[in-house]
N, C-alpha and C. Protein backbone atom coordinates (compact mmCIF):
# COMPACT_ATOMS: atom_id res chain seq x y z
N MET A 1 -10.29 -23.19 23.12
CA MET A 1 -11.28 -22.02 23.08
C MET A 1 -10.58 -20.89 24.19
N VAL A 2 -10.04 -21.39 25.11
CA VAL A 2 -9.60 -20.52 26.11
C VAL A 2 -8.40 -19.42 25.43
N PHE A 3 -7.60 -20.19 24.52
CA PHE A 3 -6.45 -19.38 23.78
C PHE A 3 -7.28 -18.25 23.01
N LEU A 4 -8.40 -18.59 22.25
CA LEU A 4 -9.09 -17.53 21.36
C LEU A 4 -9.74 -16.50 22.33
N SER A 5 -10.17 -16.93 23.39
CA SER A 5 -10.80 -15.99 24.51
C SER A 5 -9.68 -14.92 24.88
N SER A 6 -8.59 -15.54 25.32
CA SER A 6 -7.35 -14.63 25.88
C SER A 6 -7.10 -13.63 24.66
N ILE A 7 -7.10 -14.03 23.39
CA ILE A 7 -6.64 -13.47 22.32
C ILE A 7 -7.65 -12.20 22.16
N LYS A 8 -8.97 -12.57 22.13
CA LYS A 8 -10.01 -11.53 22.17
C LYS A 8 -9.80 -10.59 23.26
N SER A 9 -9.50 -10.98 24.47
CA SER A 9 -9.43 -10.15 25.63
C SER A 9 -8.24 -9.21 25.15
N PHE A 10 -7.20 -9.42 24.96
CA PHE A 10 -5.91 -8.82 24.81
C PHE A 10 -6.25 -7.80 23.58
N PHE A 11 -6.98 -8.19 22.42
CA PHE A 11 -7.24 -7.46 21.25
C PHE A 11 -8.20 -6.08 21.80
N VAL A 12 -9.17 -6.55 22.56
CA VAL A 12 -10.00 -5.47 23.21
C VAL A 12 -9.37 -4.63 24.14
N THR A 13 -8.53 -5.08 24.96
CA THR A 13 -7.90 -4.33 25.90
C THR A 13 -6.82 -3.41 25.36
N PHE A 14 -6.19 -3.71 24.22
CA PHE A 14 -5.13 -2.95 23.34
C PHE A 14 -6.16 -2.01 22.53
N LEU A 15 -7.14 -2.39 22.14
CA LEU A 15 -7.97 -1.42 21.21
C LEU A 15 -8.56 -0.27 22.31
N LEU A 16 -8.80 -0.68 23.39
CA LEU A 16 -9.47 0.39 24.26
C LEU A 16 -8.37 1.25 24.90
N ALA A 17 -7.07 0.66 25.23
CA ALA A 17 -6.05 1.50 25.71
C ALA A 17 -5.58 2.38 24.48
N TYR A 18 -5.57 1.96 23.20
CA TYR A 18 -5.04 2.90 22.06
C TYR A 18 -6.03 3.86 21.67
N THR A 19 -7.19 3.65 22.12
CA THR A 19 -8.46 4.57 21.84
C THR A 19 -8.28 5.68 22.90
N VAL A 20 -8.00 5.34 24.22
CA VAL A 20 -7.70 6.36 25.24
C VAL A 20 -6.53 6.98 24.68
N TYR A 21 -5.36 6.47 24.53
CA TYR A 21 -4.31 6.91 24.07
C TYR A 21 -4.55 8.21 22.97
N LEU A 22 -5.19 7.86 21.80
CA LEU A 22 -5.52 8.68 20.70
C LEU A 22 -6.42 9.86 21.23
N PHE A 23 -7.52 9.49 21.98
CA PHE A 23 -8.28 10.61 22.42
C PHE A 23 -7.80 11.66 23.24
N SER A 24 -7.09 10.86 24.17
CA SER A 24 -6.80 11.94 25.37
C SER A 24 -5.30 12.79 25.18
N TYR A 25 -4.39 12.14 24.31
CA TYR A 25 -3.13 12.52 23.96
C TYR A 25 -3.01 13.02 22.50
N LYS A 26 -3.17 12.18 21.63
CA LYS A 26 -2.58 12.19 20.13
C LYS A 26 -3.66 13.37 19.52
N CYS A 27 -4.95 13.23 19.74
CA CYS A 27 -5.86 14.04 19.01
C CYS A 27 -5.56 15.34 19.12
N ASP A 28 -5.04 15.82 20.36
CA ASP A 28 -5.15 17.21 20.54
C ASP A 28 -3.87 17.95 19.89
N LYS A 29 -2.94 16.95 19.62
CA LYS A 29 -1.68 17.38 19.08
C LYS A 29 -1.85 17.52 17.42
N LEU A 30 -2.74 16.82 16.77
CA LEU A 30 -2.95 16.67 15.37
C LEU A 30 -3.32 17.86 14.65
N ASN A 31 -2.71 18.46 13.65
CA ASN A 31 -3.18 19.65 12.70
C ASN A 31 -2.77 19.24 11.45
N GLU A 32 -3.65 18.35 10.73
CA GLU A 32 -3.39 18.25 9.17
C GLU A 32 -4.03 19.20 8.49
N THR A 33 -3.18 19.70 7.57
CA THR A 33 -3.74 20.78 6.66
C THR A 33 -4.41 20.14 5.65
N PRO A 34 -5.24 21.01 4.74
CA PRO A 34 -5.95 20.48 3.63
C PRO A 34 -4.99 19.90 2.68
N LEU A 35 -3.96 20.64 2.47
CA LEU A 35 -2.74 20.11 1.47
C LEU A 35 -2.37 18.66 1.71
N GLU A 36 -1.87 18.38 2.96
CA GLU A 36 -1.51 17.13 3.65
C GLU A 36 -2.64 15.98 3.43
N HIS A 37 -3.81 16.57 3.77
CA HIS A 37 -4.92 15.60 3.50
C HIS A 37 -5.07 15.26 2.03
N GLY A 38 -4.95 16.13 1.23
CA GLY A 38 -5.02 15.79 -0.15
C GLY A 38 -4.18 14.94 -0.72
N ILE A 39 -2.90 15.25 -0.42
CA ILE A 39 -1.84 14.39 -1.25
C ILE A 39 -1.41 13.25 -0.20
N GLN A 40 -1.77 13.30 1.04
CA GLN A 40 -1.58 12.18 2.01
C GLN A 40 0.03 11.89 2.21
N THR A 41 0.73 12.90 2.20
CA THR A 41 2.09 13.04 2.36
C THR A 41 2.48 13.72 3.54
N VAL A 42 2.69 13.12 4.55
CA VAL A 42 2.83 13.80 5.75
C VAL A 42 4.12 13.22 6.43
N PHE A 43 4.75 14.02 7.39
CA PHE A 43 6.06 13.74 8.01
C PHE A 43 5.77 12.36 8.70
N HIS A 44 4.64 12.07 9.49
CA HIS A 44 4.53 10.86 10.14
C HIS A 44 3.63 10.07 9.47
N PRO A 45 4.10 8.83 9.10
CA PRO A 45 3.16 7.94 8.30
C PRO A 45 1.77 7.64 8.80
N LEU A 46 1.61 7.82 10.03
CA LEU A 46 0.34 7.52 10.60
C LEU A 46 -0.55 8.63 10.80
N SER A 47 -0.09 9.81 10.32
CA SER A 47 -0.72 11.24 10.61
C SER A 47 -2.08 11.17 10.07
N HIS A 48 -2.15 10.82 8.82
CA HIS A 48 -3.49 10.85 8.08
C HIS A 48 -4.54 9.93 8.69
N ALA A 49 -4.13 8.74 9.07
CA ALA A 49 -5.04 7.42 9.84
C ALA A 49 -5.21 8.05 11.05
N HIS A 50 -4.34 8.77 11.92
CA HIS A 50 -4.79 9.46 13.21
C HIS A 50 -5.92 10.31 13.10
N ASN A 51 -5.63 11.30 12.19
CA ASN A 51 -6.64 12.12 11.90
C ASN A 51 -8.12 11.75 11.72
N GLN A 52 -8.13 10.65 10.67
CA GLN A 52 -9.36 10.14 10.46
C GLN A 52 -9.99 9.71 11.64
N VAL A 53 -9.18 8.70 12.53
CA VAL A 53 -9.59 8.13 13.64
C VAL A 53 -10.11 9.20 14.59
N CYS A 54 -9.31 10.24 14.89
CA CYS A 54 -9.70 11.33 15.63
C CYS A 54 -10.94 11.90 15.31
N ASP A 55 -11.14 12.15 14.06
CA ASP A 55 -12.50 12.85 13.49
C ASP A 55 -13.71 11.96 13.99
N SER A 56 -13.33 10.75 13.92
CA SER A 56 -14.40 9.50 14.15
C SER A 56 -14.80 9.52 15.76
N LEU A 57 -13.84 9.77 16.56
CA LEU A 57 -13.87 9.75 18.03
C LEU A 57 -14.63 10.95 18.21
N ASN A 58 -14.22 12.24 17.76
CA ASN A 58 -14.89 13.39 17.92
C ASN A 58 -16.37 13.42 17.61
N LYS A 59 -16.66 12.68 16.47
CA LYS A 59 -17.99 12.66 16.13
C LYS A 59 -18.88 11.77 17.08
N GLY A 60 -18.14 10.90 17.73
CA GLY A 60 -18.88 10.14 18.53
C GLY A 60 -19.01 10.69 20.03
N VAL A 61 -18.26 11.45 20.38
CA VAL A 61 -18.38 12.39 21.50
C VAL A 61 -19.26 13.19 21.35
N ASN A 62 -19.36 14.00 20.16
CA ASN A 62 -20.43 14.83 19.87
C ASN A 62 -21.80 14.21 19.94
N PHE A 63 -21.91 12.97 19.49
CA PHE A 63 -23.16 12.16 19.51
C PHE A 63 -23.73 11.98 20.78
N VAL A 64 -22.59 11.76 21.78
CA VAL A 64 -23.12 10.98 22.99
C VAL A 64 -23.21 12.15 24.05
N THR A 65 -22.62 13.45 23.82
CA THR A 65 -22.63 14.43 24.83
C THR A 65 -23.80 14.78 25.22
N PRO A 66 -24.94 14.93 24.42
CA PRO A 66 -26.25 15.33 24.77
C PRO A 66 -26.87 14.41 25.94
N TYR A 67 -26.72 13.16 25.66
CA TYR A 67 -27.39 12.07 26.40
C TYR A 67 -26.55 12.06 27.58
N LEU A 68 -25.33 12.17 27.81
CA LEU A 68 -24.63 11.99 28.96
C LEU A 68 -24.82 13.33 29.81
N ASP A 69 -24.93 14.59 29.01
CA ASP A 69 -25.49 15.77 29.99
C ASP A 69 -26.82 15.43 30.58
N SER A 70 -27.68 14.81 29.87
CA SER A 70 -29.15 14.62 30.38
C SER A 70 -29.07 13.68 31.55
N PHE A 71 -28.22 12.62 31.42
CA PHE A 71 -27.86 11.72 32.50
C PHE A 71 -27.28 12.35 33.76
N HIS A 72 -26.48 13.20 33.52
CA HIS A 72 -25.62 13.71 34.63
C HIS A 72 -26.59 14.76 35.32
N ALA A 73 -27.55 15.36 34.48
CA ALA A 73 -28.56 16.28 35.20
C ALA A 73 -29.55 15.59 36.14
N LYS A 74 -29.88 14.47 35.47
CA LYS A 74 -30.98 13.57 36.50
C LYS A 74 -29.99 13.16 37.64
N VAL A 75 -28.93 12.67 37.51
CA VAL A 75 -28.12 12.12 38.48
C VAL A 75 -27.86 13.19 39.46
N ALA A 76 -27.39 14.46 39.07
CA ALA A 76 -26.88 15.53 39.92
C ALA A 76 -28.19 15.98 40.73
N SER A 77 -29.47 15.83 40.24
CA SER A 77 -30.52 16.56 40.85
C SER A 77 -31.12 15.42 42.00
N HIS A 78 -30.61 14.12 42.01
CA HIS A 78 -31.04 13.32 43.14
C HIS A 78 -30.65 13.70 44.31
N GLN A 79 -31.48 13.33 45.45
CA GLN A 79 -31.10 13.72 46.90
C GLN A 79 -29.93 13.12 47.57
N LEU A 80 -29.72 11.95 47.12
CA LEU A 80 -28.59 11.18 47.78
C LEU A 80 -27.33 11.61 47.07
N TYR A 81 -27.36 12.18 45.89
CA TYR A 81 -26.11 12.76 45.20
C TYR A 81 -25.75 14.02 46.07
N LYS A 82 -26.68 14.77 46.38
CA LYS A 82 -26.40 16.06 47.09
C LYS A 82 -26.24 15.76 48.65
N ASP A 83 -26.81 14.68 49.03
CA ASP A 83 -26.60 14.50 50.56
C ASP A 83 -25.32 14.03 50.84
N TYR A 84 -24.69 13.26 50.04
CA TYR A 84 -23.31 12.59 50.23
C TYR A 84 -22.27 13.55 49.31
N LYS A 85 -22.66 14.68 48.86
CA LYS A 85 -21.66 15.50 48.17
C LYS A 85 -20.72 14.98 47.19
N VAL A 86 -21.31 14.19 46.30
CA VAL A 86 -20.66 13.31 45.37
C VAL A 86 -19.90 14.19 44.38
N GLN A 87 -20.36 15.37 43.98
CA GLN A 87 -19.55 16.26 43.09
C GLN A 87 -18.25 16.70 43.75
N ASP A 88 -18.33 17.09 45.00
CA ASP A 88 -17.16 17.52 45.77
C ASP A 88 -16.11 16.53 45.79
N LYS A 89 -16.56 15.04 45.97
CA LYS A 89 -15.50 13.95 45.96
C LYS A 89 -14.92 13.82 44.50
N VAL A 90 -15.78 13.91 43.62
CA VAL A 90 -15.42 13.83 42.06
C VAL A 90 -14.27 14.76 41.80
N ASP A 91 -14.60 15.97 42.19
CA ASP A 91 -13.59 17.08 42.16
C ASP A 91 -12.36 16.86 42.79
N CYS A 92 -12.40 16.32 44.06
CA CYS A 92 -11.22 15.98 44.79
C CYS A 92 -10.35 14.89 44.04
N ALA A 93 -11.29 13.81 43.55
CA ALA A 93 -10.47 12.81 42.91
C ALA A 93 -9.60 13.32 41.59
N GLY A 94 -10.34 14.26 40.81
CA GLY A 94 -9.80 14.84 39.69
C GLY A 94 -8.52 15.58 40.10
N GLY A 95 -8.76 16.24 41.12
CA GLY A 95 -7.34 17.20 41.50
C GLY A 95 -6.18 16.12 41.85
N TYR A 96 -6.60 15.11 42.64
CA TYR A 96 -5.40 14.23 42.75
C TYR A 96 -4.99 13.52 41.82
N TYR A 97 -5.77 13.22 40.63
CA TYR A 97 -5.31 12.72 39.50
C TYR A 97 -4.46 13.80 38.65
N SER A 98 -4.94 14.95 38.67
CA SER A 98 -4.10 15.98 38.07
C SER A 98 -2.62 16.33 38.74
N LYS A 99 -2.72 16.19 39.97
CA LYS A 99 -1.51 16.52 40.79
C LYS A 99 -0.42 15.16 40.84
N TYR A 100 -1.07 13.95 40.87
CA TYR A 100 -0.12 12.86 41.07
C TYR A 100 -0.06 11.89 39.90
N ALA A 101 -1.09 11.51 39.13
CA ALA A 101 -1.19 10.48 38.20
C ALA A 101 -0.79 11.07 36.75
N GLN A 102 -1.39 12.04 36.48
CA GLN A 102 -1.30 12.65 35.22
C GLN A 102 0.22 12.95 34.63
N PRO A 103 1.07 13.47 35.35
CA PRO A 103 2.43 13.22 34.90
C PRO A 103 3.03 11.96 34.42
N TYR A 104 2.70 11.00 35.07
CA TYR A 104 3.01 9.60 34.77
C TYR A 104 2.30 9.11 33.57
N VAL A 105 0.95 9.40 33.33
CA VAL A 105 0.14 9.13 32.41
C VAL A 105 0.67 9.71 31.03
N LEU A 106 0.96 11.13 31.25
CA LEU A 106 1.70 11.66 30.04
C LEU A 106 3.01 11.08 29.65
N GLN A 107 3.80 10.70 30.59
CA GLN A 107 4.97 10.01 30.14
C GLN A 107 4.80 8.64 29.40
N VAL A 108 3.86 7.82 30.09
CA VAL A 108 3.50 6.48 29.34
C VAL A 108 3.08 6.73 27.96
N PHE A 109 2.33 8.03 27.72
CA PHE A 109 1.83 8.23 26.27
C PHE A 109 2.75 8.81 25.52
N GLN A 110 3.82 9.35 25.82
CA GLN A 110 5.01 9.87 25.32
C GLN A 110 5.89 8.66 24.81
N LEU A 111 5.81 7.44 25.71
CA LEU A 111 6.49 6.27 25.34
C LEU A 111 5.92 5.60 24.22
N VAL A 112 4.60 5.67 24.33
CA VAL A 112 3.77 4.92 23.42
C VAL A 112 3.95 5.64 22.08
N GLU A 113 4.00 6.98 22.08
CA GLU A 113 4.23 7.53 20.74
C GLU A 113 5.50 7.03 20.20
N THR A 114 6.62 7.28 20.91
CA THR A 114 7.90 6.81 20.33
C THR A 114 7.93 5.56 19.82
N TYR A 115 7.39 4.59 20.69
CA TYR A 115 7.39 3.25 20.29
C TYR A 115 6.47 2.81 18.93
N GLU A 116 5.62 3.70 18.88
CA GLU A 116 4.54 3.74 17.74
C GLU A 116 5.32 4.13 16.45
N GLU A 117 6.18 5.18 16.66
CA GLU A 117 6.83 5.69 15.39
C GLU A 117 8.04 4.60 15.15
N ILE A 118 8.69 4.08 16.04
CA ILE A 118 9.81 2.97 15.76
C ILE A 118 9.19 1.87 15.12
N LEU A 119 7.87 1.35 15.56
CA LEU A 119 7.19 0.20 14.91
C LEU A 119 6.79 0.51 13.43
N ILE A 120 6.37 1.63 13.36
CA ILE A 120 5.85 2.01 12.02
C ILE A 120 7.13 2.14 11.02
N ALA A 121 8.25 2.73 11.46
CA ALA A 121 9.37 2.59 10.65
C ALA A 121 9.78 1.20 10.16
N HIS A 122 9.81 0.30 11.34
CA HIS A 122 10.18 -0.94 11.15
C HIS A 122 9.28 -1.76 10.12
N LEU A 123 7.93 -1.59 10.19
CA LEU A 123 7.01 -2.08 9.40
C LEU A 123 6.90 -1.61 7.99
N LEU A 124 7.32 -0.33 7.78
CA LEU A 124 7.64 0.22 6.42
C LEU A 124 8.82 -0.39 5.73
N VAL A 125 9.89 -0.72 6.43
CA VAL A 125 11.00 -1.42 5.74
C VAL A 125 10.60 -2.94 5.52
N VAL A 126 9.92 -3.46 6.48
CA VAL A 126 9.47 -4.85 6.14
C VAL A 126 8.53 -4.80 4.75
N TRP A 127 7.75 -3.87 4.82
CA TRP A 127 6.61 -3.79 3.67
C TRP A 127 7.59 -3.64 2.36
N ALA A 128 8.55 -2.68 2.55
CA ALA A 128 9.46 -2.42 1.22
C ALA A 128 9.87 -3.65 0.78
N LYS A 129 10.54 -4.46 1.69
CA LYS A 129 11.16 -5.83 1.26
C LYS A 129 10.18 -6.69 0.60
N ILE A 130 8.91 -6.65 1.28
CA ILE A 130 7.82 -7.66 0.57
C ILE A 130 7.38 -7.28 -0.53
N GLN A 131 7.37 -6.06 -0.98
CA GLN A 131 7.05 -5.35 -2.40
C GLN A 131 8.25 -5.76 -3.25
N ALA A 132 9.38 -5.51 -2.92
CA ALA A 132 10.61 -5.95 -3.75
C ALA A 132 10.74 -7.39 -3.97
N PHE A 133 10.44 -8.33 -3.04
CA PHE A 133 10.22 -9.79 -3.14
C PHE A 133 9.13 -10.05 -4.20
N TYR A 134 7.97 -9.41 -3.95
CA TYR A 134 7.01 -9.89 -4.92
C TYR A 134 7.29 -9.47 -6.37
N ALA A 135 7.87 -8.17 -6.37
CA ALA A 135 8.15 -7.66 -7.79
C ALA A 135 9.35 -8.42 -8.59
N SER A 136 10.19 -8.99 -7.83
CA SER A 136 11.27 -9.68 -8.38
C SER A 136 11.06 -11.15 -8.42
N GLU A 137 10.61 -11.79 -7.67
CA GLU A 137 10.24 -13.18 -7.64
C GLU A 137 8.76 -13.80 -8.08
N VAL A 138 7.83 -13.17 -7.54
CA VAL A 138 6.44 -13.61 -7.82
C VAL A 138 5.67 -13.08 -8.98
N ALA A 139 5.89 -11.89 -9.20
CA ALA A 139 5.37 -11.32 -10.54
C ALA A 139 6.01 -11.78 -11.93
N PRO A 140 7.01 -12.01 -12.03
CA PRO A 140 7.66 -12.79 -13.26
C PRO A 140 6.90 -14.12 -13.39
N LYS A 141 7.10 -14.93 -12.26
CA LYS A 141 6.30 -16.09 -12.67
C LYS A 141 4.75 -16.23 -12.90
N LEU A 142 4.18 -15.05 -12.48
CA LEU A 142 2.70 -14.99 -12.74
C LEU A 142 2.48 -14.50 -14.26
N LYS A 143 3.47 -13.84 -14.76
CA LYS A 143 3.39 -13.38 -16.11
C LYS A 143 3.65 -14.65 -16.99
N LEU A 144 4.48 -15.64 -16.52
CA LEU A 144 4.84 -16.66 -17.32
C LEU A 144 3.76 -17.63 -17.34
N ALA A 145 2.87 -17.78 -16.42
CA ALA A 145 1.94 -18.88 -16.21
C ALA A 145 0.68 -18.44 -16.85
């Protein structure tokens, strides 16, 4: 059970990290034309899938934004929020993030993008070998049976 729990935790962590990568880095760079969308022939094998996932993420953000704005308005109007100058501290933390952490985060995202392309190229080669094996070995035996 512990093994399955650790697999589940790894999968959820990977999914969350990949979603952050897509939403904060990759979705801004995608520009799929209607022609590419129609024929699904693009330079990057995952471009079409990335575009669909980014569209779903943007729909989710558009759905949640009014609720978050309402929540933020209620929190920002609270007296303790004003007394402790929370917004100033959030802005300061955002400035430190932009100055110190963001360059490293962008480098990590660029590495993820590079490794993603390498992995997809490798998986496409493996998939071609599997299809060739199926066509040469398995399919003829199925026809005989």
